[in-house]
PDB file of all heavy atoms in Angstrom:
ATOM      1  N   ASN A   1      37.071 -41.260  54.415  1.00  0.00           N
ATOM      2  CA  ASN A   1      37.754 -41.245  53.123  1.00  0.00           C
ATOM      3  C   ASN A   1      39.009 -40.376  53.211  1.00  0.00           C
ATOM      4  O   ASN A   1      38.915 -39.152  53.359  1.00  0.00           O
ATOM      5  CB  ASN A   1      36.812 -40.699  52.055  1.00  0.00           C
ATOM      6  CG  ASN A   1      37.421 -40.729  50.667  1.00  0.00           C
ATOM      7  OD1 ASN A   1      38.542 -41.205  50.474  1.00  0.00           O
ATOM      8  ND2 ASN A   1      36.706 -40.226  49.688  1.00  0.00           N
ATOM      9  N   PRO A   2      40.205 -40.975  53.096  1.00  0.00           N
ATOM     10  CA  PRO A   2      41.447 -40.191  53.183  1.00  0.00           C
ATOM     11  C   PRO A   2      41.523 -39.073  52.146  1.00  0.00           C
ATOM     12  O   PRO A   2      42.172 -38.050  52.378  1.00  0.00           O
ATOM     13  CB  PRO A   2      42.537 -41.239  52.940  1.00  0.00           C
ATOM     14  CG  PRO A   2      41.922 -42.536  53.349  1.00  0.00           C
ATOM     15  CD  PRO A   2      40.485 -42.423  52.953  1.00  0.00           C
ATOM     16  N   ALA A   3      40.867 -39.244  51.008  1.00  0.00           N
ATOM     17  CA  ALA A   3      40.909 -38.231  49.953  1.00  0.00           C
ATOM     18  C   ALA A   3      40.204 -36.938  50.361  1.00  0.00           C
ATOM     19  O   ALA A   3      40.314 -35.923  49.656  1.00  0.00           O
ATOM     20  CB  ALA A   3      40.284 -38.783  48.674  1.00  0.00           C
ATOM     21  N   ASP A   4      39.499 -36.947  51.497  1.00  0.00           N
ATOM     22  CA  ASP A   4      38.829 -35.737  51.978  1.00  0.00           C
ATOM     23  C   ASP A   4      39.790 -34.799  52.698  1.00  0.00           C
ATOM     24  O   ASP A   4      39.435 -33.643  52.969  1.00  0.00           O
ATOM     25  CB  ASP A   4      37.683 -36.096  52.936  1.00  0.00           C
ATOM     26  CG  ASP A   4      36.445 -36.606  52.214  1.00  0.00           C
ATOM     27  OD1 ASP A   4      36.262 -36.242  51.041  1.00  0.00           O
ATOM     28  OD2 ASP A   4      35.676 -37.378  52.813  1.00  0.00           O
ATOM     29  N   VAL A   5      40.988 -35.269  53.037  1.00  0.00           N
ATOM     30  CA  VAL A   5      41.932 -34.438  53.805  1.00  0.00           C
ATOM     31  C   VAL A   5      42.189 -33.078  53.149  1.00  0.00           C
ATOM     32  O   VAL A   5      42.145 -32.043  53.824  1.00  0.00           O
ATOM     33  CB  VAL A   5      43.259 -35.198  54.048  1.00  0.00           C
ATOM     34  CG1 VAL A   5      44.331 -34.259  54.631  1.00  0.00           C
ATOM     35  CG2 VAL A   5      43.028 -36.373  54.994  1.00  0.00           C
ATOM     36  N   PRO A   6      42.458 -33.007  51.831  1.00  0.00           N
ATOM     37  CA  PRO A   6      42.679 -31.684  51.213  1.00  0.00           C
ATOM     38  C   PRO A   6      41.479 -30.749  51.351  1.00  0.00           C
ATOM     39  O   PRO A   6      41.651 -29.525  51.407  1.00  0.00           O
ATOM     40  CB  PRO A   6      42.937 -32.026  49.737  1.00  0.00           C
ATOM     41  CG  PRO A   6      43.392 -33.437  49.740  1.00  0.00           C
ATOM     42  CD  PRO A   6      42.647 -34.097  50.859  1.00  0.00           C
ATOM     43  N   ARG A   7      40.286 -31.298  51.411  1.00  0.00           N
ATOM     44  CA  ARG A   7      39.093 -30.458  51.580  1.00  0.00           C
ATOM     45  C   ARG A   7      39.084 -29.803  52.962  1.00  0.00           C
ATOM     46  O   ARG A   7      38.653 -28.655  53.114  1.00  0.00           O
ATOM     47  CB  ARG A   7      37.827 -31.285  51.375  1.00  0.00           C
ATOM     48  CG  ARG A   7      37.697 -31.867  49.969  1.00  0.00           C
ATOM     49  CD  ARG A   7      36.461 -32.764  49.840  1.00  0.00           C
ATOM     50  NE  ARG A   7      35.259 -32.072  50.230  1.00  0.00           N
ATOM     51  CZ  ARG A   7      34.347 -32.564  51.076  1.00  0.00           C
ATOM     52  NH1 ARG A   7      34.516 -33.764  51.612  1.00  0.00           N
ATOM     53  NH2 ARG A   7      33.271 -31.870  51.387  1.00  0.00           N
ATOM     54  N   PHE A   8      39.554 -30.544  53.982  1.00  0.00           N
ATOM     55  CA  PHE A   8      39.663 -29.968  55.315  1.00  0.00           C
ATOM     56  C   PHE A   8      40.695 -28.844  55.330  1.00  0.00           C
ATOM     57  O   PHE A   8      40.465 -27.780  55.920  1.00  0.00           O
ATOM     58  CB  PHE A   8      40.064 -31.048  56.326  1.00  0.00           C
ATOM     59  CG  PHE A   8      38.931 -31.930  56.769  1.00  0.00           C
ATOM     60  CD1 PHE A   8      38.569 -33.043  56.020  1.00  0.00           C
ATOM     61  CD2 PHE A   8      38.225 -31.658  57.926  1.00  0.00           C
ATOM     62  CE1 PHE A   8      37.529 -33.862  56.427  1.00  0.00           C
ATOM     63  CE2 PHE A   8      37.180 -32.464  58.342  1.00  0.00           C
ATOM     64  CZ  PHE A   8      36.831 -33.573  57.583  1.00  0.00           C
ATOM     65  N   VAL A   9      41.831 -29.092  54.702  1.00  0.00           N
ATOM     66  CA  VAL A   9      42.897 -28.075  54.641  1.00  0.00           C
ATOM     67  C   VAL A   9      42.385 -26.820  53.931  1.00  0.00           C
ATOM     68  O   VAL A   9      42.637 -25.695  54.366  1.00  0.00           O
ATOM     69  CB  VAL A   9      44.145 -28.639  53.941  1.00  0.00           C
ATOM     70  CG1 VAL A   9      45.207 -27.558  53.759  1.00  0.00           C
ATOM     71  CG2 VAL A   9      44.719 -29.818  54.729  1.00  0.00           C
ATOM     72  N   ALA A  10      41.660 -27.008  52.848  1.00  0.00           N
ATOM     73  CA  ALA A  10      41.123 -25.870  52.090  1.00  0.00           C
ATOM     74  C   ALA A  10      40.108 -25.093  52.926  1.00  0.00           C
ATOM     75  O   ALA A  10      40.058 -23.860  52.866  1.00  0.00           O
ATOM     76  CB  ALA A  10      40.479 -26.365  50.794  1.00  0.00           C
ATOM     77  N   LYS A  11      39.300 -25.794  53.717  1.00  0.00           N
ATOM     78  CA  LYS A  11      38.306 -25.117  54.564  1.00  0.00           C
ATOM     79  C   LYS A  11      38.998 -24.316  55.659  1.00  0.00           C
ATOM     80  O   LYS A  11      38.564 -23.197  55.983  1.00  0.00           O
ATOM     81  CB  LYS A  11      37.358 -26.154  55.167  1.00  0.00           C
ATOM     82  CG  LYS A  11      36.124 -25.547  55.847  1.00  0.00           C
ATOM     83  CD  LYS A  11      35.180 -24.927  54.852  1.00  0.00           C
ATOM     84  CE  LYS A  11      33.898 -24.441  55.513  1.00  0.00           C
ATOM     85  NZ  LYS A  11      32.965 -23.816  54.555  1.00  0.00           N
ATOM     86  N   VAL A  12      40.057 -24.881  56.230  1.00  0.00           N
ATOM     87  CA  VAL A  12      40.829 -24.141  57.230  1.00  0.00           C
ATOM     88  C   VAL A  12      41.398 -22.867  56.618  1.00  0.00           C
ATOM     89  O   VAL A  12      41.421 -21.805  57.247  1.00  0.00           O
ATOM     90  CB  VAL A  12      41.968 -25.018  57.802  1.00  0.00           C
ATOM     91  CG1 VAL A  12      42.942 -24.174  58.621  1.00  0.00           C
ATOM     92  CG2 VAL A  12      41.405 -26.148  58.659  1.00  0.00           C
ATOM     93  N   ALA A  13      41.841 -22.969  55.364  1.00  0.00           N
ATOM     94  CA  ALA A  13      42.414 -21.818  54.668  1.00  0.00           C
ATOM     95  C   ALA A  13      41.405 -20.684  54.497  1.00  0.00           C
ATOM     96  O   ALA A  13      41.785 -19.526  54.281  1.00  0.00           O
ATOM     97  CB  ALA A  13      42.954 -22.240  53.308  1.00  0.00           C
ATOM     98  N   GLU A  14      40.123 -20.993  54.608  1.00  0.00           N
ATOM     99  CA  GLU A  14      39.089 -19.963  54.517  1.00  0.00           C
ATOM    100  C   GLU A  14      39.007 -19.111  55.780  1.00  0.00           C
ATOM    101  O   GLU A  14      38.302 -18.101  55.808  1.00  0.00           O
ATOM    102  CB  GLU A  14      37.725 -20.603  54.242  1.00  0.00           C
ATOM    103  CG  GLU A  14      37.620 -21.278  52.875  1.00  0.00           C
ATOM    104  CD  GLU A  14      36.260 -21.922  52.652  1.00  0.00           C
ATOM    105  OE1 GLU A  14      35.328 -21.629  53.449  1.00  0.00           O
ATOM    106  OE2 GLU A  14      36.118 -22.706  51.700  1.00  0.00           O
ATOM    107  N   GLY A  15      39.717 -19.552  56.828  1.00  0.00           N
ATOM    108  CA  GLY A  15      39.747 -18.761  58.052  1.00  0.00           C
ATOM    109  C   GLY A  15      39.156 -19.434  59.272  1.00  0.00           C
ATOM    110  O   GLY A  15      38.998 -18.795  60.313  1.00  0.00           O
ATOM    111  N   TYR A  16      38.830 -20.708  59.171  1.00  0.00           N
ATOM    112  CA  TYR A  16      38.253 -21.424  60.311  1.00  0.00           C
ATOM    113  C   TYR A  16      39.355 -22.018  61.190  1.00  0.00           C
ATOM    114  O   TYR A  16      40.383 -22.480  60.694  1.00  0.00           O
ATOM    115  CB  TYR A  16      37.319 -22.532  59.838  1.00  0.00           C
ATOM    116  CG  TYR A  16      36.075 -22.016  59.163  1.00  0.00           C
ATOM    117  CD1 TYR A  16      35.978 -21.986  57.773  1.00  0.00           C
ATOM    118  CD2 TYR A  16      34.999 -21.549  59.912  1.00  0.00           C
ATOM    119  CE1 TYR A  16      34.834 -21.508  57.143  1.00  0.00           C
ATOM    120  CE2 TYR A  16      33.857 -21.062  59.294  1.00  0.00           C
ATOM    121  CZ  TYR A  16      33.785 -21.047  57.910  1.00  0.00           C
ATOM    122  OH  TYR A  16      32.663 -20.566  57.300  1.00  0.00           O
ATOM    123  N   ASP A  17      39.117 -22.015  62.500  1.00  0.00           N
ATOM    124  CA  ASP A  17      40.072 -22.603  63.444  1.00  0.00           C
ATOM    125  C   ASP A  17      39.869 -24.108  63.585  1.00  0.00           C
ATOM    126  O   ASP A  17      40.822 -24.849  63.800  1.00  0.00           O
ATOM    127  CB  ASP A  17      39.930 -21.945  64.818  1.00  0.00           C
ATOM    128  CG  ASP A  17      40.267 -20.463  64.785  1.00  0.00           C
ATOM    129  OD1 ASP A  17      41.426 -20.138  64.484  1.00  0.00           O
ATOM    130  OD2 ASP A  17      39.368 -19.641  65.041  1.00  0.00           O
ATOM    131  N   VAL A  18      38.618 -24.541  63.493  1.00  0.00           N
ATOM    132  CA  VAL A  18      38.279 -25.963  63.577  1.00  0.00           C
ATOM    133  C   VAL A  18      37.319 -26.286  62.445  1.00  0.00           C
ATOM    134  O   VAL A  18      36.389 -25.521  62.176  1.00  0.00           O
ATOM    135  CB  VAL A  18      37.607 -26.304  64.925  1.00  0.00           C
ATOM    136  CG1 VAL A  18      37.232 -27.777  64.980  1.00  0.00           C
ATOM    137  CG2 VAL A  18      38.515 -25.952  66.089  1.00  0.00           C
ATOM    138  N   VAL A  19      37.567 -27.404  61.770  1.00  0.00           N
ATOM    139  CA  VAL A  19      36.673 -27.855  60.700  1.00  0.00           C
ATOM    140  C   VAL A  19      36.212 -29.267  61.043  1.00  0.00           C
ATOM    141  O   VAL A  19      37.024 -30.149  61.317  1.00  0.00           O
ATOM    142  CB  VAL A  19      37.361 -27.848  59.326  1.00  0.00           C
ATOM    143  CG1 VAL A  19      36.423 -28.409  58.261  1.00  0.00           C
ATOM    144  CG2 VAL A  19      37.802 -26.435  58.952  1.00  0.00           C
ATOM    145  N   ILE A  20      34.893 -29.459  61.048  1.00  0.00           N
ATOM    146  CA  ILE A  20      34.298 -30.754  61.384  1.00  0.00           C
ATOM    147  C   ILE A  20      33.742 -31.394  60.120  1.00  0.00           C
ATOM    148  O   ILE A  20      33.066 -30.735  59.333  1.00  0.00           O
ATOM    149  CB  ILE A  20      33.161 -30.581  62.410  1.00  0.00           C
ATOM    150  CG1 ILE A  20      33.692 -29.922  63.684  1.00  0.00           C
ATOM    151  CG2 ILE A  20      32.513 -31.923  62.740  1.00  0.00           C
ATOM    152  CD1 ILE A  20      32.595 -29.554  64.667  1.00  0.00           C
ATOM    153  N   GLY A  21      34.022 -32.666  59.945  1.00  0.00           N
ATOM    154  CA  GLY A  21      33.411 -33.421  58.860  1.00  0.00           C
ATOM    155  C   GLY A  21      32.034 -33.882  59.286  1.00  0.00           C
ATOM    156  O   GLY A  21      31.894 -34.720  60.181  1.00  0.00           O
ATOM    157  N   SER A  22      30.997 -33.337  58.680  1.00  0.00           N
ATOM    158  CA  SER A  22      29.631 -33.613  59.124  1.00  0.00           C
ATOM    159  C   SER A  22      28.929 -34.627  58.223  1.00  0.00           C
ATOM    160  O   SER A  22      29.005 -34.550  56.999  1.00  0.00           O
ATOM    161  CB  SER A  22      28.808 -32.316  59.148  1.00  0.00           C
ATOM    162  OG  SER A  22      27.454 -32.594  59.436  1.00  0.00           O
ATOM    163  N   ARG A  23      28.204 -35.529  58.867  1.00  0.00           N
ATOM    164  CA  ARG A  23      27.400 -36.519  58.154  1.00  0.00           C
ATOM    165  C   ARG A  23      25.978 -36.034  57.922  1.00  0.00           C
ATOM    166  O   ARG A  23      25.154 -36.771  57.374  1.00  0.00           O
ATOM    167  CB  ARG A  23      27.367 -37.816  58.968  1.00  0.00           C
ATOM    168  CG  ARG A  23      28.700 -38.517  59.075  1.00  0.00           C
ATOM    169  CD  ARG A  23      28.749 -39.487  60.228  1.00  0.00           C
ATOM    170  NE  ARG A  23      28.879 -38.790  61.500  1.00  0.00           N
ATOM    171  CZ  ARG A  23      29.113 -39.410  62.667  1.00  0.00           C
ATOM    172  NH1 ARG A  23      29.231 -40.725  62.710  1.00  0.00           N
ATOM    173  NH2 ARG A  23      29.229 -38.705  63.794  1.00  0.00           N
ATOM    174  N   PHE A  24      25.668 -34.798  58.328  1.00  0.00           N
ATOM    175  CA  PHE A  24      24.288 -34.319  58.295  1.00  0.00           C
ATOM    176  C   PHE A  24      24.084 -33.105  57.393  1.00  0.00           C
ATOM    177  O   PHE A  24      23.044 -32.461  57.459  1.00  0.00           O
ATOM    178  CB  PHE A  24      23.821 -33.979  59.713  1.00  0.00           C
ATOM    179  CG  PHE A  24      23.723 -35.175  60.612  1.00  0.00           C
ATOM    180  CD1 PHE A  24      24.758 -35.495  61.465  1.00  0.00           C
ATOM    181  CD2 PHE A  24      22.606 -35.992  60.586  1.00  0.00           C
ATOM    182  CE1 PHE A  24      24.682 -36.603  62.302  1.00  0.00           C
ATOM    183  CE2 PHE A  24      22.512 -37.099  61.418  1.00  0.00           C
ATOM    184  CZ  PHE A  24      23.556 -37.414  62.272  1.00  0.00           C
ATOM    185  N   LEU A  25      25.043 -32.791  56.546  1.00  0.00           N
ATOM    186  CA  LEU A  25      24.896 -31.629  55.675  1.00  0.00           C
ATOM    187  C   LEU A  25      24.199 -31.957  54.361  1.00  0.00           C
ATOM    188  O   LEU A  25      23.690 -31.061  53.686  1.00  0.00           O
ATOM    189  CB  LEU A  25      26.268 -31.001  55.395  1.00  0.00           C
ATOM    190  CG  LEU A  25      26.978 -30.362  56.593  1.00  0.00           C
ATOM    191  CD1 LEU A  25      28.299 -29.735  56.163  1.00  0.00           C
ATOM    192  CD2 LEU A  25      26.093 -29.323  57.273  1.00  0.00           C
ATOM    193  N   THR A  26      24.190 -33.226  53.980  1.00  0.00           N
ATOM    194  CA  THR A  26      23.500 -33.630  52.754  1.00  0.00           C
ATOM    195  C   THR A  26      22.601 -34.828  53.046  1.00  0.00           C
ATOM    196  O   THR A  26      22.892 -35.631  53.937  1.00  0.00           O
ATOM    197  CB  THR A  26      24.497 -34.018  51.638  1.00  0.00           C
ATOM    198  OG1 THR A  26      25.226 -35.201  52.034  1.00  0.00           O
ATOM    199  CG2 THR A  26      25.486 -32.880  51.370  1.00  0.00           C
ATOM    200  N   GLU A  27      21.526 -34.938  52.291  1.00  0.00           N
ATOM    201  CA  GLU A  27      20.600 -36.062  52.471  1.00  0.00           C
ATOM    202  C   GLU A  27      21.263 -37.389  52.110  1.00  0.00           C
ATOM    203  O   GLU A  27      20.994 -38.417  52.729  1.00  0.00           O
ATOM    204  CB  GLU A  27      19.357 -35.854  51.613  1.00  0.00           C
ATOM    205  CG  GLU A  27      18.459 -34.714  52.080  1.00  0.00           C
ATOM    206  CD  GLU A  27      17.168 -34.643  51.288  1.00  0.00           C
ATOM    207  OE1 GLU A  27      16.928 -35.567  50.485  1.00  0.00           O
ATOM    208  OE2 GLU A  27      16.401 -33.685  51.480  1.00  0.00           O
ATOM    209  N   GLU A  28      22.138 -37.343  51.116  1.00  0.00           N
ATOM    210  CA  GLU A  28      22.794 -38.575  50.668  1.00  0.00           C
ATOM    211  C   GLU A  28      23.635 -39.190  51.779  1.00  0.00           C
ATOM    212  O   GLU A  28      23.596 -40.405  52.010  1.00  0.00           O
ATOM    213  CB  GLU A  28      23.673 -38.275  49.452  1.00  0.00           C
ATOM    214  CG  GLU A  28      24.362 -39.506  48.891  1.00  0.00           C
ATOM    215  CD  GLU A  28      25.223 -39.187  47.683  1.00  0.00           C
ATOM    216  OE1 GLU A  28      25.208 -38.017  47.227  1.00  0.00           O
ATOM    217  OE2 GLU A  28      25.925 -40.098  47.209  1.00  0.00           O
ATOM    218  N   SER A  29      24.415 -38.354  52.487  1.00  0.00           N
ATOM    219  CA  SER A  29      25.255 -38.881  53.559  1.00  0.00           C
ATOM    220  C   SER A  29      24.411 -39.309  54.753  1.00  0.00           C
ATOM    221  O   SER A  29      24.742 -40.284  55.443  1.00  0.00           O
ATOM    222  CB  SER A  29      26.291 -37.838  53.990  1.00  0.00           C
ATOM    223  OG  SER A  29      25.659 -36.654  54.438  1.00  0.00           O
ATOM    224  N   GLN A  30      23.298 -38.617  55.003  1.00  0.00           N
ATOM    225  CA  GLN A  30      22.425 -38.992  56.116  1.00  0.00           C
ATOM    226  C   GLN A  30      21.788 -40.356  55.907  1.00  0.00           C
ATOM    227  O   GLN A  30      21.592 -41.119  56.859  1.00  0.00           O
ATOM    228  CB  GLN A  30      21.323 -37.943  56.303  1.00  0.00           C
ATOM    229  CG  GLN A  30      21.784 -36.637  56.899  1.00  0.00           C
ATOM    230  CD  GLN A  30      20.617 -35.755  57.293  1.00  0.00           C
ATOM    231  OE1 GLN A  30      19.720 -36.172  58.023  1.00  0.00           O
ATOM    232  NE2 GLN A  30      20.614 -34.533  56.803  1.00  0.00           N
ATOM    233  N   LYS A  31      21.458 -40.675  54.659  1.00  0.00           N
ATOM    234  CA  LYS A  31      20.796 -41.951  54.362  1.00  0.00           C
ATOM    235  C   LYS A  31      21.665 -43.149  54.729  1.00  0.00           C
ATOM    236  O   LYS A  31      21.140 -44.239  54.977  1.00  0.00           O
ATOM    237  CB  LYS A  31      20.434 -42.012  52.878  1.00  0.00           C
ATOM    238  CG  LYS A  31      19.306 -41.060  52.479  1.00  0.00           C
ATOM    239  CD  LYS A  31      19.031 -41.137  50.989  1.00  0.00           C
ATOM    240  CE  LYS A  31      17.918 -40.187  50.576  1.00  0.00           C
ATOM    241  NZ  LYS A  31      17.670 -40.216  49.113  1.00  0.00           N
TER     242      LYS A  31
END
């Protein structure tokens, strides 16, 4: 989903060097 890009930028702003989009953090996405 292209609309997720700002979420990655915001996570990087928290101080992370690499941010991974995970399919296993919620049950809904895992299903």
